[in-house]
PDB file of N, CA and C in Angstrom:
ATOM      1  N   MET A   1       0.849  -1.176   0.000  1.00  0.00           N
ATOM      2  CA  MET A   1       0.000   0.000   0.000  1.00  0.00           C
ATOM      3  C   MET A   1       0.893   1.236   0.000  1.00  0.00           C
ATOM      4  N   LYS A   2       0.513   2.212  -0.766  1.00  0.00           N
ATOM      5  CA  LYS A   2       1.252   3.462  -0.814  1.00  0.00           C
ATOM      6  C   LYS A   2       0.352   4.592  -0.347  1.00  0.00           C
ATOM      7  N   GLY A   3       0.775   5.302   0.660  1.00  0.00           N
ATOM      8  CA  GLY A   3       0.063   6.483   1.102  1.00  0.00           C
ATOM      9  C   GLY A   3      -1.088   6.215   2.049  1.00  0.00           C
ATOM     10  N   ILE A   4      -1.622   7.323   2.546  1.00  0.00           N
ATOM     11  CA  ILE A   4      -2.756   7.286   3.452  1.00  0.00           C
ATOM     12  C   ILE A   4      -3.942   7.873   2.700  1.00  0.00           C
ATOM     13  N   PRO A   5      -4.932   7.060   2.382  1.00  0.00           N
ATOM     14  CA  PRO A   5      -6.106   7.591   1.678  1.00  0.00           C
ATOM     15  C   PRO A   5      -6.788   8.680   2.495  1.00  0.00           C
ATOM     16  N   HIS A   6      -7.310   9.677   1.807  1.00  0.00           N
ATOM     17  CA  HIS A   6      -7.992  10.795   2.464  1.00  0.00           C
ATOM     18  C   HIS A   6      -9.138  10.279   3.338  1.00  0.00           C
ATOM     19  N   ASN A   7      -9.200  10.759   4.565  1.00  0.00           N
ATOM     20  CA  ASN A   7     -10.241  10.385   5.534  1.00  0.00           C
ATOM     21  C   ASN A   7     -10.280   8.887   5.835  1.00  0.00           C
ATOM     22  N   SER A   8      -9.134   8.239   5.793  1.00  0.00           N
ATOM     23  CA  SER A   8      -9.126   6.789   6.006  1.00  0.00           C
ATOM     24  C   SER A   8      -8.932   6.399   7.468  1.00  0.00           C
ATOM     25  N   LEU A   9      -8.483   7.318   8.312  1.00  0.00           N
ATOM     26  CA  LEU A   9      -8.214   6.979   9.707  1.00  0.00           C
ATOM     27  C   LEU A   9      -9.460   7.270  10.541  1.00  0.00           C
ATOM     28  N   LYS A  10     -10.300   6.263  10.647  1.00  0.00           N
ATOM     29  CA  LYS A  10     -11.567   6.420  11.359  1.00  0.00           C
ATOM     30  C   LYS A  10     -11.611   5.632  12.664  1.00  0.00           C
ATOM     31  N   THR A  11     -10.827   4.573  12.779  1.00  0.00           N
ATOM     32  CA  THR A  11     -10.843   3.733  13.972  1.00  0.00           C
ATOM     33  C   THR A  11      -9.436   3.623  14.539  1.00  0.00           C
ATOM     34  N   ALA A  12      -9.352   3.163  15.777  1.00  0.00           N
ATOM     35  CA  ALA A  12      -8.038   2.927  16.378  1.00  0.00           C
ATOM     36  C   ALA A  12      -7.264   1.896  15.570  1.00  0.00           C
ATOM     37  N   GLN A  13      -7.963   0.927  15.028  1.00  0.00           N
ATOM     38  CA  GLN A  13      -7.314  -0.091  14.201  1.00  0.00           C
ATOM     39  C   GLN A  13      -6.677   0.542  12.961  1.00  0.00           C
ATOM     40  N   ASP A  14      -7.350   1.530  12.369  1.00  0.00           N
ATOM     41  CA  ASP A  14      -6.787   2.244  11.223  1.00  0.00           C
ATOM     42  C   ASP A  14      -5.493   2.961  11.607  1.00  0.00           C
ATOM     43  N   TYR A  15      -5.513   3.643  12.745  1.00  0.00           N
ATOM     44  CA  TYR A  15      -4.317   4.345  13.216  1.00  0.00           C
ATOM     45  C   TYR A  15      -3.185   3.360  13.473  1.00  0.00           C
ATOM     46  N   GLU A  16      -3.515   2.268  14.152  1.00  0.00           N
ATOM     47  CA  GLU A  16      -2.485   1.281  14.481  1.00  0.00           C
ATOM     48  C   GLU A  16      -1.910   0.638  13.216  1.00  0.00           C
ATOM     49  N   GLY A  17      -2.766   0.358  12.250  1.00  0.00           N
ATOM     50  CA  GLY A  17      -2.298  -0.234  10.998  1.00  0.00           C
ATOM     51  C   GLY A  17      -1.331   0.682  10.267  1.00  0.00           C
ATOM     52  N   MET A  18      -1.668   1.968  10.191  1.00  0.00           N
ATOM     53  CA  MET A  18      -0.775   2.928   9.528  1.00  0.00           C
ATOM     54  C   MET A  18       0.521   3.091  10.317  1.00  0.00           C
ATOM     55  N   GLN A  19       0.418   3.050  11.633  1.00  0.00           N
ATOM     56  CA  GLN A  19       1.607   3.158  12.474  1.00  0.00           C
ATOM     57  C   GLN A  19       2.567   2.006  12.173  1.00  0.00           C
ATOM     58  N   GLN A  20       2.021   0.801  12.075  1.00  0.00           N
ATOM     59  CA  GLN A  20       2.864  -0.363  11.795  1.00  0.00           C
ATOM     60  C   GLN A  20       3.486  -0.289  10.405  1.00  0.00           C
ATOM     61  N   LEU A  21       2.725   0.181   9.429  1.00  0.00           N
ATOM     62  CA  LEU A  21       3.278   0.354   8.087  1.00  0.00           C
ATOM     63  C   LEU A  21       4.411   1.380   8.092  1.00  0.00           C
ATOM     64  N   ALA A  22       4.230   2.449   8.840  1.00  0.00           N
ATOM     65  CA  ALA A  22       5.261   3.485   8.919  1.00  0.00           C
ATOM     66  C   ALA A  22       6.531   2.933   9.556  1.00  0.00           C
ATOM     67  N   ILE A  23       6.384   2.237  10.649  1.00  0.00           N
ATOM     68  CA  ILE A  23       7.546   1.683  11.355  1.00  0.00           C
ATOM     69  C   ILE A  23       8.256   0.639  10.499  1.00  0.00           C
ATOM     70  N   ALA A  24       7.491  -0.104   9.704  1.00  0.00           N
ATOM     71  CA  ALA A  24       8.069  -1.127   8.821  1.00  0.00           C
ATOM     72  C   ALA A  24       8.708  -0.515   7.577  1.00  0.00           C
ATOM     73  N   GLY A  25       8.597   0.809   7.415  1.00  0.00           N
ATOM     74  CA  GLY A  25       9.199   1.469   6.264  1.00  0.00           C
ATOM     75  C   GLY A  25       8.376   1.364   4.994  1.00  0.00           C
ATOM     76  N   GLU A  26       7.109   1.046   5.121  1.00  0.00           N
ATOM     77  CA  GLU A  26       6.253   0.864   3.956  1.00  0.00           C
ATOM     78  C   GLU A  26       5.488   2.116   3.551  1.00  0.00           C
ATOM     79  N   LEU A  27       5.713   3.223   4.262  1.00  0.00           N
ATOM     80  CA  LEU A  27       5.091   4.493   3.895  1.00  0.00           C
ATOM     81  C   LEU A  27       6.167   5.469   3.430  1.00  0.00           C
ATOM     82  N   ARG A  28       5.802   6.292   2.457  1.00  0.00           N
ATOM     83  CA  ARG A  28       6.724   7.324   1.977  1.00  0.00           C
ATOM     84  C   ARG A  28       6.926   8.358   3.080  1.00  0.00           C
ATOM     85  N   PRO A  29       8.052   9.069   3.045  1.00  0.00           N
ATOM     86  CA  PRO A  29       8.321  10.083   4.072  1.00  0.00           C
ATOM     87  C   PRO A  29       7.187  11.096   4.239  1.00  0.00           C
ATOM     88  N   ARG A  30       6.589  11.543   3.146  1.00  0.00           N
ATOM     89  CA  ARG A  30       5.504  12.526   3.281  1.00  0.00           C
ATOM     90  C   ARG A  30       4.285  11.905   3.958  1.00  0.00           C
ATOM     91  N   ASP A  31       4.079  10.597   3.772  1.00  0.00           N
ATOM     92  CA  ASP A  31       2.951   9.935   4.426  1.00  0.00           C
ATOM     93  C   ASP A  31       3.214   9.714   5.908  1.00  0.00           C
ATOM     94  N   VAL A  32       4.477   9.499   6.258  1.00  0.00           N
ATOM     95  CA  VAL A  32       4.836   9.403   7.679  1.00  0.00           C
ATOM     96  C   VAL A  32       4.571  10.757   8.344  1.00  0.00           C
ATOM     97  N   ALA A  33       4.930  11.834   7.647  1.00  0.00           N
ATOM     98  CA  ALA A  33       4.671  13.179   8.174  1.00  0.00           C
ATOM     99  C   ALA A  33       3.164  13.411   8.320  1.00  0.00           C
ATOM    100  N   THR A  34       2.398  12.938   7.359  1.00  0.00           N
ATOM    101  CA  THR A  34       0.937  13.058   7.439  1.00  0.00           C
ATOM    102  C   THR A  34       0.402  12.283   8.628  1.00  0.00           C
ATOM    103  N   LEU A  35       0.897  11.078   8.847  1.00  0.00           N
ATOM    104  CA  LEU A  35       0.472  10.267   9.989  1.00  0.00           C
ATOM    105  C   LEU A  35       0.803  10.981  11.293  1.00  0.00           C
ATOM    106  N   ARG A  36       1.985  11.586  11.365  1.00  0.00           N
ATOM    107  CA  ARG A  36       2.374  12.348  12.544  1.00  0.00           C
ATOM    108  C   ARG A  36       1.349  13.466  12.808  1.00  0.00           C
ATOM    109  N   ARG A  37       0.936  14.138  11.747  1.00  0.00           N
ATOM    110  CA  ARG A  37      -0.054  15.218  11.895  1.00  0.00           C
ATOM    111  C   ARG A  37      -1.407  14.669  12.371  1.00  0.00           C
ATOM    112  N   TYR A  38      -1.786  13.494  11.884  1.00  0.00           N
ATOM    113  CA  TYR A  38      -3.032  12.876  12.359  1.00  0.00           C
ATOM    114  C   TYR A  38      -2.969  12.612  13.862  1.00  0.00           C
ATOM    115  N   TRP A  39      -1.843  12.039  14.310  1.00  0.00           N
ATOM    116  CA  TRP A  39      -1.685  11.790  15.748  1.00  0.00           C
ATOM    117  C   TRP A  39      -1.736  13.109  16.512  1.00  0.00           C
ATOM    118  N   GLN A  40      -1.012  14.126  16.005  1.00  0.00           N
ATOM    119  CA  GLN A  40      -0.978  15.418  16.685  1.00  0.00           C
ATOM    120  C   GLN A  40      -2.364  16.040  16.746  1.00  0.00           C
ATOM    121  N   SER A  41      -3.149  15.856  15.705  1.00  0.00           N
ATOM    122  CA  SER A  41      -4.503  16.429  15.709  1.00  0.00           C
ATOM    123  C   SER A  41      -5.375  15.789  16.789  1.00  0.00           C
ATOM    124  N   LEU A  42      -5.097  14.515  17.117  1.00  0.00           N
ATOM    125  CA  LEU A  42      -5.823  13.898  18.227  1.00  0.00           C
ATOM    126  C   LEU A  42      -5.501  14.626  19.533  1.00  0.00           C
ATOM    127  N   LEU A  43      -4.222  14.967  19.717  1.00  0.00           N
ATOM    128  CA  LEU A  43      -3.835  15.701  20.926  1.00  0.00           C
ATOM    129  C   LEU A  43      -4.446  17.101  20.932  1.00  0.00           C
ATOM    130  N   ASP A  44      -4.335  17.785  19.820  1.00  0.00           N
ATOM    131  CA  ASP A  44      -4.832  19.160  19.741  1.00  0.00           C
ATOM    132  C   ASP A  44      -6.352  19.226  19.881  1.00  0.00           C
ATOM    133  N   GLY A  45      -7.038  18.201  19.431  1.00  0.00           N
ATOM    134  CA  GLY A  45      -8.494  18.197  19.441  1.00  0.00           C
ATOM    135  C   GLY A  45      -9.115  17.801  20.767  1.00  0.00           C
ATOM    136  N   ARG A  46      -8.306  17.593  21.768  1.00  0.00           N
ATOM    137  CA  ARG A  46      -8.867  17.173  23.056  1.00  0.00           C
ATOM    138  C   ARG A  46      -9.374  18.340  23.898  1.00  0.00           C
ATOM    139  N   TRP A  47      -9.303  19.550  23.349  1.00  0.00           N
ATOM    140  CA  TRP A  47      -9.744  20.747  24.049  1.00  0.00           C
ATOM    141  C   TRP A  47     -10.918  21.382  23.335  1.00  0.00           C
ATOM    142  N   ARG A  48     -11.682  22.152  24.086  1.00  0.00           N
ATOM    143  CA  ARG A  48     -12.700  23.016  23.514  1.00  0.00           C
ATOM    144  C   ARG A  48     -12.698  24.299  24.340  1.00  0.00           C
ATOM    145  N   TYR A  49     -13.304  25.329  23.797  1.00  0.00           N
ATOM    146  CA  TYR A  49     -13.415  26.599  24.520  1.00  0.00           C
ATOM    147  C   TYR A  49     -14.864  26.829  24.890  1.00  0.00           C
ATOM    148  N   ASP A  50     -15.092  27.051  26.175  1.00  0.00           N
ATOM    149  CA  ASP A  50     -16.428  27.360  26.680  1.00  0.00           C
ATOM    150  C   ASP A  50     -16.491  28.833  27.055  1.00  0.00           C
ATOM    151  N   ARG A  51     -17.623  29.451  26.718  1.00  0.00           N
ATOM    152  CA  ARG A  51     -17.818  30.850  27.095  1.00  0.00           C
ATOM    153  C   ARG A  51     -17.818  30.905  28.614  1.00  0.00           C
ATOM    154  N   ASP A  52     -16.979  31.785  29.147  1.00  0.00           N
ATOM    155  CA  ASP A  52     -16.784  31.848  30.594  1.00  0.00           C
ATOM    156  C   ASP A  52     -17.504  33.038  31.219  1.00  0.00           C
ATOM    157  N   ARG A  53     -17.144  34.240  30.768  1.00  0.00           N
ATOM    158  CA  ARG A  53     -17.788  35.410  31.365  1.00  0.00           C
ATOM    159  C   ARG A  53     -17.588  36.640  30.490  1.00  0.00           C
ATOM    160  N   LEU A  54     -18.460  37.610  30.702  1.00  0.00           N
ATOM    161  CA  LEU A  54     -18.394  38.886  30.000  1.00  0.00           C
ATOM    162  C   LEU A  54     -17.332  39.749  30.668  1.00  0.00           C
ATOM    163  N   LEU A  55     -16.468  40.342  29.857  1.00  0.00           N
ATOM    164  CA  LEU A  55     -15.409  41.204  30.384  1.00  0.00           C
ATOM    165  C   LEU A  55     -15.766  42.666  30.167  1.00  0.00           C
ATOM    166  N   GLY A  56     -15.249  43.508  31.046  1.00  0.00           N
ATOM    167  CA  GLY A  56     -15.399  44.945  30.860  1.00  0.00           C
ATOM    168  C   GLY A  56     -14.530  45.413  29.700  1.00  0.00           C
ATOM    169  N   ASP A  57     -14.715  46.657  29.286  1.00  0.00           N
ATOM    170  CA  ASP A  57     -14.011  47.189  28.116  1.00  0.00           C
ATOM    171  C   ASP A  57     -12.493  47.035  28.187  1.00  0.00           C
ATOM    172  N   SER A  58     -11.916  47.285  29.337  1.00  0.00           N
ATOM    173  CA  SER A  58     -10.456  47.195  29.454  1.00  0.00           C
ATOM    174  C   SER A  58     -10.012  46.092  30.412  1.00  0.00           C
ATOM    175  N   GLU A  59     -10.940  45.262  30.809  1.00  0.00           N
ATOM    176  CA  GLU A  59     -10.636  44.193  31.760  1.00  0.00           C
ATOM    177  C   GLU A  59      -9.787  43.109  31.095  1.00  0.00           C
ATOM    178  N   ALA A  60      -8.741  42.697  31.790  1.00  0.00           N
ATOM    179  CA  ALA A  60      -7.856  41.656  31.283  1.00  0.00           C
ATOM    180  C   ALA A  60      -8.485  40.286  31.539  1.00  0.00           C
ATOM    181  N   PRO A  61      -8.176  39.315  30.676  1.00  0.00           N
ATOM    182  CA  PRO A  61      -8.676  37.958  30.922  1.00  0.00           C
ATOM    183  C   PRO A  61      -8.009  37.362  32.165  1.00  0.00           C
ATOM    184  N   ASP A  62      -8.544  36.255  32.626  1.00  0.00           N
ATOM    185  CA  ASP A  62      -8.039  35.614  33.837  1.00  0.00           C
ATOM    186  C   ASP A  62      -6.692  34.924  33.627  1.00  0.00           C
ATOM    187  N   GLY A  63      -6.268  34.785  32.399  1.00  0.00           N
ATOM    188  CA  GLY A  63      -4.994  34.134  32.096  1.00  0.00           C
ATOM    189  C   GLY A  63      -4.643  34.336  30.633  1.00  0.00           C
ATOM    190  N   ASP A  64      -3.533  33.718  30.239  1.00  0.00           N
ATOM    191  CA  ASP A  64      -3.024  33.866  28.874  1.00  0.00           C
ATOM    192  C   ASP A  64      -3.514  32.749  27.975  1.00  0.00           C
ATOM    193  N   GLU A  65      -3.343  32.967  26.665  1.00  0.00           N
ATOM    194  CA  GLU A  65      -3.621  31.904  25.692  1.00  0.00           C
ATOM    195  C   GLU A  65      -2.596  30.802  25.904  1.00  0.00           C
ATOM    196  N   PRO A  66      -2.884  29.578  25.682  1.00  0.00           N
ATOM    197  CA  PRO A  66      -4.104  29.064  25.094  1.00  0.00           C
ATOM    198  C   PRO A  66      -5.205  28.772  26.107  1.00  0.00           C
ATOM    199  N   ASP A  67      -4.957  29.024  27.387  1.00  0.00           N
ATOM    200  CA  ASP A  67      -5.967  28.683  28.395  1.00  0.00           C
ATOM    201  C   ASP A  67      -7.182  29.593  28.370  1.00  0.00           C
ATOM    202  N   TYR A  68      -6.987  30.843  27.948  1.00  0.00           N
ATOM    203  CA  TYR A  68      -8.092  31.802  27.868  1.00  0.00           C
ATOM    204  C   TYR A  68      -8.015  32.543  26.533  1.00  0.00           C
ATOM    205  N   ARG A  69      -9.168  32.831  25.986  1.00  0.00           N
ATOM    206  CA  ARG A  69      -9.258  33.641  24.768  1.00  0.00           C
ATOM    207  C   ARG A  69     -10.331  34.691  24.977  1.00  0.00           C
ATOM    208  N   VAL A  70     -10.116  35.838  24.352  1.00  0.00           N
ATOM    209  CA  VAL A  70     -11.103  36.912  24.418  1.00  0.00           C
ATOM    210  C   VAL A  70     -11.596  37.176  23.002  1.00  0.00           C
ATOM    211  N   LEU A  71     -12.903  37.145  22.831  1.00  0.00           N
ATOM    212  CA  LEU A  71     -13.514  37.426  21.540  1.00  0.00           C
ATOM    213  C   LEU A  71     -14.483  38.583  21.696  1.00  0.00           C
ATOM    214  N   VAL A  72     -14.478  39.449  20.702  1.00  0.00           N
ATOM    215  CA  VAL A  72     -15.420  40.556  20.668  1.00  0.00           C
ATOM    216  C   VAL A  72     -16.589  40.114  19.806  1.00  0.00           C
ATOM    217  N   GLU A  73     -17.775  40.195  20.383  1.00  0.00           N
ATOM    218  CA  GLU A  73     -18.985  39.757  19.694  1.00  0.00           C
ATOM    219  C   GLU A  73     -20.005  40.881  19.694  1.00  0.00           C
ATOM    220  N   GLU A  74     -20.852  40.860  18.696  1.00  0.00           N
ATOM    221  CA  GLU A  74     -21.896  41.872  18.619  1.00  0.00           C
ATOM    222  C   GLU A  74     -23.101  41.410  19.439  1.00  0.00           C
ATOM    223  N   ALA A  75     -23.547  42.285  20.317  1.00  0.00           N
ATOM    224  CA  ALA A  75     -24.723  41.996  21.145  1.00  0.00           C
ATOM    225  C   ALA A  75     -25.989  42.229  20.327  1.00  0.00           C
ATOM    226  N   GLU A  76     -27.114  41.820  20.859  1.00  0.00           N
ATOM    227  CA  GLU A  76     -28.393  41.974  20.164  1.00  0.00           C
ATOM    228  C   GLU A  76     -28.716  43.440  19.858  1.00  0.00           C
ATOM    229  N   ASP A  77     -28.241  44.336  20.708  1.00  0.00           N
ATOM    230  CA  ASP A  77     -28.525  45.765  20.490  1.00  0.00           C
ATOM    231  C   ASP A  77     -27.507  46.434  19.574  1.00  0.00           C
ATOM    232  N   GLY A  78     -26.572  45.661  19.018  1.00  0.00           N
ATOM    233  CA  GLY A  78     -25.588  46.193  18.087  1.00  0.00           C
ATOM    234  C   GLY A  78     -24.292  46.645  18.720  1.00  0.00           C
ATOM    235  N   THR A  79     -24.213  46.659  20.039  1.00  0.00           N
ATOM    236  CA  THR A  79     -22.960  47.038  20.702  1.00  0.00           C
ATOM    237  C   THR A  79     -22.021  45.841  20.736  1.00  0.00           C
ATOM    238  N   GLU A  80     -20.764  46.127  21.006  1.00  0.00           N
ATOM    239  CA  GLU A  80     -19.769  45.057  21.081  1.00  0.00           C
ATOM    240  C   GLU A  80     -19.571  44.632  22.528  1.00  0.00           C
ATOM    241  N   GLU A  81     -19.434  43.338  22.718  1.00  0.00           N
ATOM    242  CA  GLU A  81     -19.161  42.769  24.037  1.00  0.00           C
ATOM    243  C   GLU A  81     -17.885  41.945  23.957  1.00  0.00           C
ATOM    244  N   ARG A  82     -17.112  41.996  25.008  1.00  0.00           N
ATOM    245  CA  ARG A  82     -15.890  41.198  25.092  1.00  0.00           C
ATOM    246  C   ARG A  82     -16.171  39.985  25.982  1.00  0.00           C
ATOM    247  N   TRP A  83     -16.066  38.802  25.397  1.00  0.00           N
ATOM    248  CA  TRP A  83     -16.322  37.572  26.135  1.00  0.00           C
ATOM    249  C   TRP A  83     -15.030  36.802  26.335  1.00  0.00           C
ATOM    250  N   GLN A  84     -14.863  36.303  27.534  1.00  0.00           N
ATOM    251  CA  GLN A  84     -13.736  35.429  27.844  1.00  0.00           C
ATOM    252  C   GLN A  84     -14.180  33.987  27.631  1.00  0.00           C
ATOM    253  N   TYR A  85     -13.350  33.246  26.925  1.00  0.00           N
ATOM    254  CA  TYR A  85     -13.569  31.813  26.732  1.00  0.00           C
ATOM    255  C   TYR A  85     -12.454  31.072  27.440  1.00  0.00           C
ATOM    256  N   LYS A  86     -12.808  29.979  28.080  1.00  0.00           N
ATOM    257  CA  LYS A  86     -11.840  29.187  28.840  1.00  0.00           C
ATOM    258  C   LYS A  86     -11.659  27.830  28.168  1.00  0.00           C
ATOM    259  N   ARG A  87     -10.410  27.424  28.022  1.00  0.00           N
ATOM    260  CA  ARG A  87     -10.113  26.122  27.430  1.00  0.00           C
ATOM    261  C   ARG A  87     -10.362  25.029  28.469  1.00  0.00           C
ATOM    262  N   VAL A  88     -11.133  24.023  28.072  1.00  0.00           N
ATOM    263  CA  VAL A  88     -11.451  22.902  28.962  1.00  0.00           C
ATOM    264  C   VAL A  88     -11.262  21.592  28.195  1.00  0.00           C
ATOM    265  N   ALA A  89     -10.990  20.541  28.930  1.00  0.00           N
ATOM    266  CA  ALA A  89     -10.862  19.216  28.315  1.00  0.00           C
ATOM    267  C   ALA A  89     -12.224  18.779  27.792  1.00  0.00           C
ATOM    268  N   ASP A  90     -12.225  18.225  26.605  1.00  0.00           N
ATOM    269  CA  ASP A  90     -13.457  17.774  25.971  1.00  0.00           C
ATOM    270  C   ASP A  90     -13.563  16.255  26.121  1.00  0.00           C
ATOM    271  N   ASP A  91     -14.471  15.820  26.965  1.00  0.00           N
ATOM    272  CA  ASP A  91     -14.646  14.384  27.209  1.00  0.00           C
ATOM    273  C   ASP A  91     -15.135  13.639  25.973  1.00  0.00           C
ATOM    274  N   LYS A  92     -15.679  14.362  25.022  1.00  0.00           N
ATOM    275  CA  LYS A  92     -16.201  13.731  23.809  1.00  0.00           C
ATOM    276  C   LYS A  92     -15.237  13.856  22.632  1.00  0.00           C
ATOM    277  N   ALA A  93     -14.007  14.229  22.916  1.00  0.00           N
ATOM    278  CA  ALA A  93     -13.010  14.409  21.858  1.00  0.00           C
ATOM    279  C   ALA A  93     -12.697  13.077  21.181  1.00  0.00           C
ATOM    280  N   ARG A  94     -12.250  13.172  19.951  1.00  0.00           N
ATOM    281  CA  ARG A  94     -11.936  11.990  19.143  1.00  0.00           C
ATOM    282  C   ARG A  94     -10.891  11.093  19.800  1.00  0.00           C
ATOM    283  N   ILE A  95      -9.907  11.684  20.473  1.00  0.00           N
ATOM    284  CA  ILE A  95      -8.862  10.894  21.133  1.00  0.00           C
ATOM    285  C   ILE A  95      -9.491   9.897  22.108  1.00  0.00           C
ATOM    286  N   HIS A  96     -10.490  10.333  22.851  1.00  0.00           N
ATOM    287  CA  HIS A  96     -11.152   9.460  23.820  1.00  0.00           C
ATOM    288  C   HIS A  96     -12.089   8.477  23.126  1.00  0.00           C
ATOM    289  N   HIS A  97     -12.751   8.951  22.086  1.00  0.00           N
ATOM    290  CA  HIS A  97     -13.653   8.095  21.317  1.00  0.00           C
ATOM    291  C   HIS A  97     -12.893   6.890  20.748  1.00  0.00           C
ATOM    292  N   LEU A  98     -11.645   7.121  20.344  1.00  0.00           N
ATOM    293  CA  LEU A  98     -10.825   6.037  19.787  1.00  0.00           C
ATOM    294  C   LEU A  98     -10.194   5.165  20.873  1.00  0.00           C
ATOM    295  N   GLY A  99     -10.294   5.581  22.131  1.00  0.00           N
ATOM    296  CA  GLY A  99      -9.760   4.778  23.228  1.00  0.00           C
ATOM    297  C   GLY A  99      -8.319   5.091  23.599  1.00  0.00           C
ATOM    298  N   TYR A 100      -7.808   6.231  23.150  1.00  0.00           N
ATOM    299  CA  TYR A 100      -6.431   6.618  23.458  1.00  0.00           C
ATOM    300  C   TYR A 100      -6.399   7.605  24.609  1.00  0.00           C
ATOM    301  N   ASP A 101      -5.220   7.695  25.231  1.00  0.00           N
ATOM    302  CA  ASP A 101      -4.973   8.746  26.204  1.00  0.00           C
ATOM    303  C   ASP A 101      -3.773   9.556  25.710  1.00  0.00           C
ATOM    304  N   VAL A 102      -3.490  10.652  26.368  1.00  0.00           N
ATOM    305  CA  VAL A 102      -2.442  11.566  25.920  1.00  0.00           C
ATOM    306  C   VAL A 102      -1.082  10.879  25.870  1.00  0.00           C
ATOM    307  N   ALA A 103      -0.735  10.146  26.909  1.00  0.00           N
ATOM    308  CA  ALA A 103       0.584   9.495  26.955  1.00  0.00           C
ATOM    309  C   ALA A 103       0.759   8.498  25.812  1.00  0.00           C
ATOM    310  N   THR A 104      -0.271   7.761  25.486  1.00  0.00           N
ATOM    311  CA  THR A 104      -0.197   6.782  24.396  1.00  0.00           C
ATOM    312  C   THR A 104       0.029   7.475  23.063  1.00  0.00           C
ATOM    313  N   VAL A 105      -0.719   8.538  22.809  1.00  0.00           N
ATOM    314  CA  VAL A 105      -0.576   9.253  21.539  1.00  0.00           C
ATOM    315  C   VAL A 105       0.794   9.924  21.460  1.00  0.00           C
ATOM    316  N   GLU A 106       1.252  10.493  22.545  1.00  0.00           N
ATOM    317  CA  GLU A 106       2.600  11.078  22.544  1.00  0.00           C
ATOM    318  C   GLU A 106       3.647  10.005  22.256  1.00  0.00           C
ATOM    319  N   GLY A 107       3.438   8.799  22.776  1.00  0.00           N
ATOM    320  CA  GLY A 107       4.336   7.687  22.494  1.00  0.00           C
ATOM    321  C   GLY A 107       4.316   7.291  21.024  1.00  0.00           C
ATOM    322  N   LYS A 108       3.142   7.311  20.409  1.00  0.00           N
ATOM    323  CA  LYS A 108       3.022   6.985  18.982  1.00  0.00           C
ATOM    324  C   LYS A 108       3.779   8.009  18.135  1.00  0.00           C
ATOM    325  N   ILE A 109       3.671   9.275  18.506  1.00  0.00           N
ATOM    326  CA  ILE A 109       4.397  10.322  17.785  1.00  0.00           C
ATOM    327  C   ILE A 109       5.900  10.122  17.958  1.00  0.00           C
ATOM    328  N   ALA A 110       6.322   9.809  19.171  1.00  0.00           N
ATOM    329  CA  ALA A 110       7.752   9.578  19.428  1.00  0.00           C
ATOM    330  C   ALA A 110       8.274   8.382  18.634  1.00  0.00           C
ATOM    331  N   GLU A 111       7.456   7.346  18.482  1.00  0.00           N
ATOM    332  CA  GLU A 111       7.857   6.171  17.687  1.00  0.00           C
ATOM    333  C   GLU A 111       8.186   6.553  16.244  1.00  0.00           C
ATOM    334  N   LEU A 112       7.538   7.576  15.745  1.00  0.00           N
ATOM    335  CA  LEU A 112       7.719   7.975  14.356  1.00  0.00           C
ATOM    336  C   LEU A 112       8.938   8.873  14.150  1.00  0.00           C
ATOM    337  N   GLU A 113       9.589   9.313  15.228  1.00  0.00           N
ATOM    338  CA  GLU A 113      10.774  10.157  15.105  1.00  0.00           C
ATOM    339  C   GLU A 113      11.838   9.401  14.317  1.00  0.00           C
ATOM    340  N   GLY A 114      12.325  10.014  13.267  1.00  0.00           N
ATOM    341  CA  GLY A 114      13.368   9.403  12.444  1.00  0.00           C
ATOM    342  C   GLY A 114      12.858   8.442  11.399  1.00  0.00           C
ATOM    343  N   VAL A 115      11.584   8.042  11.483  1.00  0.00           N
ATOM    344  CA  VAL A 115      11.015   7.126  10.500  1.00  0.00           C
ATOM    345  C   VAL A 115      10.712   7.922   9.232  1.00  0.00           C
ATOM    346  N   GLY A 116      11.130   7.413   8.108  1.00  0.00           N
ATOM    347  CA  GLY A 116      10.810   8.029   6.833  1.00  0.00           C
ATOM    348  C   GLY A 116      11.676   9.229   6.488  1.00  0.00           C
ATOM    349  N   GLU A 117      12.739   9.423   7.224  1.00  0.00           N
ATOM    350  CA  GLU A 117      13.618  10.572   6.915  1.00  0.00           C
ATOM    351  C   GLU A 117      14.790  10.137   6.085  1.00  0.00           C
TER     352      GLU A 117
END
């Protein structure tokens, strides 16, 4: 098999199969890089931002990015409001749906270091 078909990684078995192909040297370097990005996206996708509270015009957020974000939104009356969003773990994230945890996915990424280079 050559390459990773678009949208082909849907199950943990799909991820594991591609991982084994990569380690066995059966994937091209660009496909190994793509697989690395798929694993990384599982890590990155484990967060979501929840609206936390309305901020005053010059009020600073409770912390820095990536833990907090401030967005300016238009209110129903046409005025602008500054809302603080807080980053929280998403229990329904794909990483959990597939049965992985952070340490396992980080290990999979580490396994790919030097593969395909």
